Every structure is written in C-alpha cells, then in structure tokens.
Amino acid sequence: MICANGSEFDMVQLEWQNEKRGIHESLQKLSSMIKPSNLAAEEENRSKRKPLSESAIQLARSVVPIMKLSRLFFDKMSKQGMNQKKLPLSTTMCSDQLITISELAQHIDSQISTILESLGDADTYHEPDISKKLTEAVQQIETHFDAGIILILLHFVPIIPDTDGFPVQNYYKDWLATWNTQLSIAVNNHLEACKIFEQNAE
C-alpha cells in the first residue's frame, strides 16, 4: 500500500497513540490496586469497593511485567524508537496485514482492560471464573503480539536503514527475540499465579 501522508509505519503509529496512553494509565491503575495511595484509598471508600485481599494482590503483581512489557513494546516501536529514520512509503504488506498491525495496540489495550476488571472482581466472584478470564486475556495478549511481531519482522525491520554502519536490522531482530522471550516468561508466571490463587481459595 502507498500512503499519501507518510509511510505505512507512520499510519500504524497514528493508530497506536490513544491505546499507548491507555496502557500507561492501566499500569498506573494496577499499581494503585496493589499499593493504594491515600487518594486512591479515599476514592475506593467513596465507591464502596474494598481493597484487594493479599491473594488477589499477589495475582495482580503477576500482571505487572506483562503490562510493562506491553508498554515497552509500543514505546520501542514508536517514532522515538524504531521509526527515527524515514522509512520507505510502502511495503509488501496486504491490507489485512496492515490492519492487523494497526489494530495491535487496540487489541492489547482491550485485553488489559479486561484484566483490570477481573482483578477488581477477584475477591467477589468464584476464583476459577476469575482465573479463566485472566488466563484467556493474557493468552490473547500473547497471541496478538506474536502475530504483530511476525509482520514487523517480515515487512518493517528489513526496510530500516543502517546508521553509520551499525546493523540496525540485526539490533531489532535481537531486541524483538529477547522481548518475546521475556513476555513468554511473564505469561507463564502469571498462569502459575492463577493456579496458586485457585488453590488458596480451596
């Protein structure tokens, strides 16, 4: 596809902006759930929502690395990171693939919102139901990122120009591989935390 007002990656960046802010705000909300400030505690009292139990807090803590890695991914793939140099206007991506990349942040932000909602209900609803919702949301995050990374590696990384002889393409390939490994570890740790959460309720 050829874009009139910049490269295809510029278009992707525009689609990611709001959701990037949403992910950052969700991480702040999660931090308040784990360790409420005085202001957050007052807001909880007004909303009549009880603070999380210790077992729910442990479950929430296991989500923090996933959210931080999600935020890091979009920061790294942003204009301040990957897109510092002007990229070619178009790639060999088809429309469906471009939509997959453009909607990546939207899908991640949506699943993170589901995670926050489920954590807020962790002490109210049946534990296996909460664990199931969290497991499905986290696995969806991993699935969406896997699909996005494949397209980035196939269509965007190969067109990044090197900088003063520095192999930029190799750098991003290595970075994405390391990041993906860290996400897999974070997801597995969260799934274990879900199992422990259920066991503690028995």
C-alpha atoms as a PDB file:
ATOM      1  CA  MET A   1       0.000   0.000   0.000  1.00  0.00           C
ATOM      2  CA  ILE A   2       1.163   3.538  -0.769  1.00  0.00           C
ATOM      3  CA  CYS A   3       0.322   6.202   1.817  1.00  0.00           C
ATOM      4  CA  ALA A   4      -0.155   9.832   0.809  1.00  0.00           C
ATOM      5  CA  ASN A   5       0.871  11.347   4.147  1.00  0.00           C
ATOM      6  CA  GLY A   6       3.841   9.276   5.201  1.00  0.00           C
ATOM      7  CA  SER A   7       4.947   5.670   5.337  1.00  0.00           C
ATOM      8  CA  GLU A   8       2.752   2.733   6.285  1.00  0.00           C
ATOM      9  CA  PHE A   9       4.537   2.677   9.626  1.00  0.00           C
ATOM     10  CA  ASP A  10       3.573   6.320  10.171  1.00  0.00           C
ATOM     11  CA  MET A  11      -0.051   5.256   9.708  1.00  0.00           C
ATOM     12  CA  VAL A  12       0.405   2.486  12.237  1.00  0.00           C
ATOM     13  CA  GLN A  13       1.835   4.966  14.732  1.00  0.00           C
ATOM     14  CA  LEU A  14      -1.247   7.163  14.460  1.00  0.00           C
ATOM     15  CA  GLU A  15      -3.483   4.179  15.176  1.00  0.00           C
ATOM     16  CA  TRP A  16      -1.445   3.280  18.281  1.00  0.00           C
ATOM     17  CA  GLN A  17      -1.413   6.685  20.001  1.00  0.00           C
ATOM     18  CA  ASN A  18      -4.583   6.566  22.102  1.00  0.00           C
ATOM     19  CA  GLU A  19      -4.106   2.956  23.154  1.00  0.00           C
ATOM     20  CA  LYS A  20      -0.499   3.633  24.186  1.00  0.00           C
ATOM     21  CA  ARG A  21      -1.819   6.203  26.627  1.00  0.00           C
ATOM     22  CA  GLY A  22      -4.481   3.739  27.739  1.00  0.00           C
ATOM     23  CA  ILE A  23      -1.897   1.062  28.527  1.00  0.00           C
ATOM     24  CA  HIS A  24       0.130   3.545  30.573  1.00  0.00           C
ATOM     25  CA  GLU A  25      -2.967   4.612  32.506  1.00  0.00           C
ATOM     26  CA  SER A  26      -3.923   0.973  33.117  1.00  0.00           C
ATOM     27  CA  LEU A  27      -0.496   0.307  34.578  1.00  0.00           C
ATOM     28  CA  GLN A  28      -0.985   3.231  36.957  1.00  0.00           C
ATOM     29  CA  LYS A  29      -4.391   1.847  37.984  1.00  0.00           C
ATOM     30  CA  LEU A  30      -2.874  -1.568  38.576  1.00  0.00           C
ATOM     31  CA  SER A  31      -0.176  -0.030  40.774  1.00  0.00           C
ATOM     32  CA  SER A  32      -2.887   1.706  42.817  1.00  0.00           C
ATOM     33  CA  MET A  33      -4.735  -1.598  43.219  1.00  0.00           C
ATOM     34  CA  ILE A  34      -1.580  -3.284  44.520  1.00  0.00           C
ATOM     35  CA  LYS A  35      -0.439  -0.451  46.762  1.00  0.00           C
ATOM     36  CA  PRO A  36      -3.181   2.144  47.191  1.00  0.00           C
ATOM     37  CA  SER A  37      -2.135   5.720  47.905  1.00  0.00           C
ATOM     38  CA  ASN A  38      -4.134   7.806  50.364  1.00  0.00           C
ATOM     39  CA  LEU A  39      -6.011   9.420  47.478  1.00  0.00           C
ATOM     40  CA  ALA A  40      -6.759   6.043  45.875  1.00  0.00           C
ATOM     41  CA  ALA A  41      -7.958   4.712  49.218  1.00  0.00           C
ATOM     42  CA  GLU A  42     -10.359   7.648  49.575  1.00  0.00           C
ATOM     43  CA  GLU A  43     -11.717   7.008  46.085  1.00  0.00           C
ATOM     44  CA  GLU A  44     -12.208   3.335  46.953  1.00  0.00           C
ATOM     45  CA  ASN A  45     -14.134   4.299  50.087  1.00  0.00           C
ATOM     46  CA  ARG A  46     -16.391   6.575  48.070  1.00  0.00           C
ATOM     47  CA  SER A  47     -17.040   3.826  45.522  1.00  0.00           C
ATOM     48  CA  LYS A  48     -17.557   1.294  48.370  1.00  0.00           C
ATOM     49  CA  ARG A  49     -15.026  -1.013  46.736  1.00  0.00           C
ATOM     50  CA  LYS A  50     -12.922  -2.951  49.211  1.00  0.00           C
ATOM     51  CA  PRO A  51      -9.133  -3.131  48.837  1.00  0.00           C
ATOM     52  CA  LEU A  52      -7.811  -6.332  47.283  1.00  0.00           C
ATOM     53  CA  SER A  53      -7.053  -9.284  49.534  1.00  0.00           C
ATOM     54  CA  GLU A  54      -3.442 -10.451  49.855  1.00  0.00           C
ATOM     55  CA  SER A  55      -4.039 -13.379  47.477  1.00  0.00           C
ATOM     56  CA  ALA A  56      -5.604 -11.051  44.897  1.00  0.00           C
ATOM     57  CA  ILE A  57      -2.690  -8.631  45.282  1.00  0.00           C
ATOM     58  CA  GLN A  58      -0.245 -11.434  44.527  1.00  0.00           C
ATOM     59  CA  LEU A  59      -2.284 -12.239  41.431  1.00  0.00           C
ATOM     60  CA  ALA A  60      -2.232  -8.574  40.392  1.00  0.00           C
ATOM     61  CA  ARG A  61       1.532  -8.380  40.861  1.00  0.00           C
ATOM     62  CA  SER A  62       1.990 -11.189  38.346  1.00  0.00           C
ATOM     63  CA  VAL A  63       0.326  -8.985  35.715  1.00  0.00           C
ATOM     64  CA  VAL A  64       2.708  -6.044  36.176  1.00  0.00           C
ATOM     65  CA  PRO A  65       5.525  -7.456  33.969  1.00  0.00           C
ATOM     66  CA  ILE A  66       3.036  -8.173  31.166  1.00  0.00           C
ATOM     67  CA  MET A  67       1.751  -4.603  31.228  1.00  0.00           C
ATOM     68  CA  LYS A  68       5.237  -3.120  31.451  1.00  0.00           C
ATOM     69  CA  LEU A  69       6.420  -5.245  28.528  1.00  0.00           C
ATOM     70  CA  SER A  70       3.372  -4.179  26.521  1.00  0.00           C
ATOM     71  CA  ARG A  71       4.156  -0.527  27.167  1.00  0.00           C
ATOM     72  CA  LEU A  72       7.830  -1.087  26.337  1.00  0.00           C
ATOM     73  CA  PHE A  73       6.957  -2.765  23.039  1.00  0.00           C
ATOM     74  CA  PHE A  74       4.929   0.161  21.746  1.00  0.00           C
ATOM     75  CA  ASP A  75       7.486   2.679  23.012  1.00  0.00           C
ATOM     76  CA  LYS A  76      10.297   0.807  21.262  1.00  0.00           C
ATOM     77  CA  MET A  77       8.345   0.519  18.020  1.00  0.00           C
ATOM     78  CA  SER A  78       7.467   4.218  18.133  1.00  0.00           C
ATOM     79  CA  LYS A  79       8.973   7.188  16.335  1.00  0.00           C
ATOM     80  CA  GLN A  80      11.245   7.707  19.328  1.00  0.00           C
ATOM     81  CA  GLY A  81      12.499   4.153  18.882  1.00  0.00           C
ATOM     82  CA  MET A  82      12.281   2.116  15.712  1.00  0.00           C
ATOM     83  CA  ASN A  83      10.946   4.829  13.446  1.00  0.00           C
ATOM     84  CA  GLN A  84      13.633   7.504  13.988  1.00  0.00           C
ATOM     85  CA  LYS A  85      14.759   7.352  10.381  1.00  0.00           C
ATOM     86  CA  LYS A  86      12.427   7.934   7.464  1.00  0.00           C
ATOM     87  CA  LEU A  87      11.196   4.607   6.138  1.00  0.00           C
ATOM     88  CA  PRO A  88      10.087   3.825   2.568  1.00  0.00           C
ATOM     89  CA  LEU A  89       6.490   4.838   1.938  1.00  0.00           C
ATOM     90  CA  SER A  90       5.188   1.340   1.279  1.00  0.00           C
ATOM     91  CA  THR A  91       5.943  -2.308   1.982  1.00  0.00           C
ATOM     92  CA  THR A  92       4.706  -5.574   0.501  1.00  0.00           C
ATOM     93  CA  MET A  93       2.007  -5.867   3.153  1.00  0.00           C
ATOM     94  CA  CYS A  94      -1.564  -6.522   2.071  1.00  0.00           C
ATOM     95  CA  SER A  95      -4.472  -4.569   3.562  1.00  0.00           C
ATOM     96  CA  ASP A  96      -5.391  -7.303   6.061  1.00  0.00           C
ATOM     97  CA  GLN A  97      -1.824  -7.451   7.378  1.00  0.00           C
ATOM     98  CA  LEU A  98      -1.663  -3.680   7.741  1.00  0.00           C
ATOM     99  CA  ILE A  99      -4.938  -3.747   9.675  1.00  0.00           C
ATOM    100  CA  THR A 100      -3.511  -6.442  11.972  1.00  0.00           C
ATOM    101  CA  ILE A 101      -0.550  -4.204  12.815  1.00  0.00           C
ATOM    102  CA  SER A 102      -2.636  -1.024  13.067  1.00  0.00           C
ATOM    103  CA  GLU A 103      -5.113  -2.620  15.483  1.00  0.00           C
ATOM    104  CA  LEU A 104      -2.468  -4.320  17.617  1.00  0.00           C
ATOM    105  CA  ALA A 105      -2.436  -1.664  20.352  1.00  0.00           C
ATOM    106  CA  GLN A 106      -6.247  -1.594  20.390  1.00  0.00           C
ATOM    107  CA  HIS A 107      -6.420  -5.351  20.997  1.00  0.00           C
ATOM    108  CA  ILE A 108      -3.751  -5.245  23.708  1.00  0.00           C
ATOM    109  CA  ASP A 109      -5.391  -2.301  25.456  1.00  0.00           C
ATOM    110  CA  SER A 110      -8.756  -4.085  25.360  1.00  0.00           C
ATOM    111  CA  GLN A 111      -7.359  -7.244  26.972  1.00  0.00           C
ATOM    112  CA  ILE A 112      -5.551  -5.195  29.616  1.00  0.00           C
ATOM    113  CA  SER A 113      -8.862  -3.513  30.475  1.00  0.00           C
ATOM    114  CA  THR A 114     -10.396  -6.978  30.867  1.00  0.00           C
ATOM    115  CA  ILE A 115      -7.551  -7.943  33.199  1.00  0.00           C
ATOM    116  CA  LEU A 116      -8.088  -4.870  35.390  1.00  0.00           C
ATOM    117  CA  GLU A 117     -11.822  -5.517  35.566  1.00  0.00           C
ATOM    118  CA  SER A 118     -11.244  -9.167  36.503  1.00  0.00           C
ATOM    119  CA  LEU A 119      -8.725  -8.252  39.190  1.00  0.00           C
ATOM    120  CA  GLY A 120     -11.215  -5.805  40.657  1.00  0.00           C
ATOM    121  CA  ASP A 121     -13.670  -8.710  40.960  1.00  0.00           C
ATOM    122  CA  ALA A 122     -11.090 -11.180  42.275  1.00  0.00           C
ATOM    123  CA  ASP A 123     -12.462 -11.177  45.825  1.00  0.00           C
ATOM    124  CA  THR A 124     -16.104 -11.130  44.780  1.00  0.00           C
ATOM    125  CA  TYR A 125     -16.578 -13.867  42.204  1.00  0.00           C
ATOM    126  CA  HIS A 126     -15.715 -17.568  42.129  1.00  0.00           C
ATOM    127  CA  GLU A 127     -11.923 -17.947  41.857  1.00  0.00           C
ATOM    128  CA  PRO A 128     -11.905 -20.369  38.882  1.00  0.00           C
ATOM    129  CA  ASP A 129     -14.032 -17.895  36.912  1.00  0.00           C
ATOM    130  CA  ILE A 130     -11.583 -15.068  37.630  1.00  0.00           C
ATOM    131  CA  SER A 131      -8.608 -17.268  36.754  1.00  0.00           C
ATOM    132  CA  LYS A 132     -10.262 -18.308  33.495  1.00  0.00           C
ATOM    133  CA  LYS A 133     -10.917 -14.696  32.474  1.00  0.00           C
ATOM    134  CA  LEU A 134      -7.353 -13.669  33.332  1.00  0.00           C
ATOM    135  CA  THR A 135      -5.845 -16.663  31.564  1.00  0.00           C
ATOM    136  CA  GLU A 136      -7.843 -16.012  28.400  1.00  0.00           C
ATOM    137  CA  ALA A 137      -6.966 -12.303  28.381  1.00  0.00           C
ATOM    138  CA  VAL A 138      -3.250 -12.897  28.893  1.00  0.00           C
ATOM    139  CA  GLN A 139      -3.146 -15.606  26.246  1.00  0.00           C
ATOM    140  CA  GLN A 140      -4.913 -13.264  23.840  1.00  0.00           C
ATOM    141  CA  ILE A 141      -2.241 -10.649  24.518  1.00  0.00           C
ATOM    142  CA  GLU A 142       0.472 -13.172  23.685  1.00  0.00           C
ATOM    143  CA  THR A 143      -1.334 -14.288  20.523  1.00  0.00           C
ATOM    144  CA  HIS A 144      -1.819 -10.741  19.231  1.00  0.00           C
ATOM    145  CA  PHE A 145       1.809  -9.833  19.917  1.00  0.00           C
ATOM    146  CA  ASP A 146       3.031 -12.994  18.158  1.00  0.00           C
ATOM    147  CA  ALA A 147       1.071 -12.075  15.041  1.00  0.00           C
ATOM    148  CA  GLY A 148       2.295  -8.476  15.170  1.00  0.00           C
ATOM    149  CA  ILE A 149       5.950  -9.383  15.663  1.00  0.00           C
ATOM    150  CA  ILE A 150       5.932 -11.736  12.673  1.00  0.00           C
ATOM    151  CA  LEU A 151       4.637  -8.956  10.415  1.00  0.00           C
ATOM    152  CA  ILE A 152       7.094  -6.418  11.828  1.00  0.00           C
ATOM    153  CA  LEU A 153       9.997  -8.795  11.239  1.00  0.00           C
ATOM    154  CA  LEU A 154       8.844  -9.614   7.716  1.00  0.00           C
ATOM    155  CA  HIS A 155       7.845  -6.175   6.477  1.00  0.00           C
ATOM    156  CA  PHE A 156       9.243  -3.338   8.601  1.00  0.00           C
ATOM    157  CA  VAL A 157      12.598  -4.478  10.002  1.00  0.00           C
ATOM    158  CA  PRO A 158      14.039  -5.323   6.541  1.00  0.00           C
ATOM    159  CA  ILE A 159      13.478  -1.758   5.309  1.00  0.00           C
ATOM    160  CA  ILE A 160      15.115   0.031   8.264  1.00  0.00           C
ATOM    161  CA  PRO A 161      18.314   1.698   7.013  1.00  0.00           C
ATOM    162  CA  ASP A 162      21.544   1.098   8.904  1.00  0.00           C
ATOM    163  CA  THR A 163      23.036   4.014  10.841  1.00  0.00           C
ATOM    164  CA  ASP A 164      26.716   4.808  10.255  1.00  0.00           C
ATOM    165  CA  GLY A 165      27.482   1.170   9.579  1.00  0.00           C
ATOM    166  CA  PHE A 166      25.572  -0.049  12.653  1.00  0.00           C
ATOM    167  CA  PRO A 167      23.432  -3.104  11.760  1.00  0.00           C
ATOM    168  CA  VAL A 168      20.093  -1.664  12.881  1.00  0.00           C
ATOM    169  CA  GLN A 169      18.075  -4.519  11.401  1.00  0.00           C
ATOM    170  CA  ASN A 170      20.013  -7.110  13.392  1.00  0.00           C
ATOM    171  CA  TYR A 171      19.591  -4.987  16.514  1.00  0.00           C
ATOM    172  CA  TYR A 172      15.798  -5.018  16.209  1.00  0.00           C
ATOM    173  CA  LYS A 173      15.687  -8.712  15.383  1.00  0.00           C
ATOM    174  CA  ASP A 174      17.662  -9.452  18.564  1.00  0.00           C
ATOM    175  CA  TRP A 175      15.587  -6.986  20.603  1.00  0.00           C
ATOM    176  CA  LEU A 176      12.286  -8.497  19.486  1.00  0.00           C
ATOM    177  CA  ALA A 177      13.535 -12.028  20.182  1.00  0.00           C
ATOM    178  CA  THR A 178      14.619 -11.060  23.703  1.00  0.00           C
ATOM    179  CA  TRP A 179      11.400  -9.152  24.344  1.00  0.00           C
ATOM    180  CA  ASN A 180       9.299 -12.078  23.143  1.00  0.00           C
ATOM    181  CA  THR A 181      11.147 -14.445  25.481  1.00  0.00           C
ATOM    182  CA  GLN A 182      10.527 -12.087  28.403  1.00  0.00           C
ATOM    183  CA  LEU A 183       6.822 -11.911  27.538  1.00  0.00           C
ATOM    184  CA  SER A 184       6.566 -15.716  27.427  1.00  0.00           C
ATOM    185  CA  ILE A 185       8.182 -15.935  30.860  1.00  0.00           C
ATOM    186  CA  ALA A 186       5.839 -13.258  32.243  1.00  0.00           C
ATOM    187  CA  VAL A 187       2.785 -15.035  30.812  1.00  0.00           C
ATOM    188  CA  ASN A 188       3.861 -18.397  32.263  1.00  0.00           C
ATOM    189  CA  ASN A 189       4.483 -16.792  35.659  1.00  0.00           C
ATOM    190  CA  HIS A 190       1.009 -15.271  35.577  1.00  0.00           C
ATOM    191  CA  LEU A 191      -0.599 -18.596  34.679  1.00  0.00           C
ATOM    192  CA  GLU A 192       1.163 -20.173  37.665  1.00  0.00           C
ATOM    193  CA  ALA A 193      -0.108 -17.323  39.847  1.00  0.00           C
ATOM    194  CA  CYS A 194      -3.657 -18.082  38.668  1.00  0.00           C
ATOM    195  CA  LYS A 195      -3.259 -21.709  39.744  1.00  0.00           C
ATOM    196  CA  ILE A 196      -1.979 -20.657  43.171  1.00  0.00           C
ATOM    197  CA  PHE A 197      -4.873 -18.196  43.511  1.00  0.00           C
ATOM    198  CA  GLU A 198      -7.350 -21.022  42.937  1.00  0.00           C
ATOM    199  CA  GLN A 199      -5.536 -23.369  45.325  1.00  0.00           C
ATOM    200  CA  ASN A 200      -5.509 -20.785  48.119  1.00  0.00           C
ATOM    201  CA  ALA A 201      -9.269 -20.491  47.854  1.00  0.00           C
ATOM    202  CA  GLU A 202      -9.874 -24.226  48.306  1.00  0.00           C
END
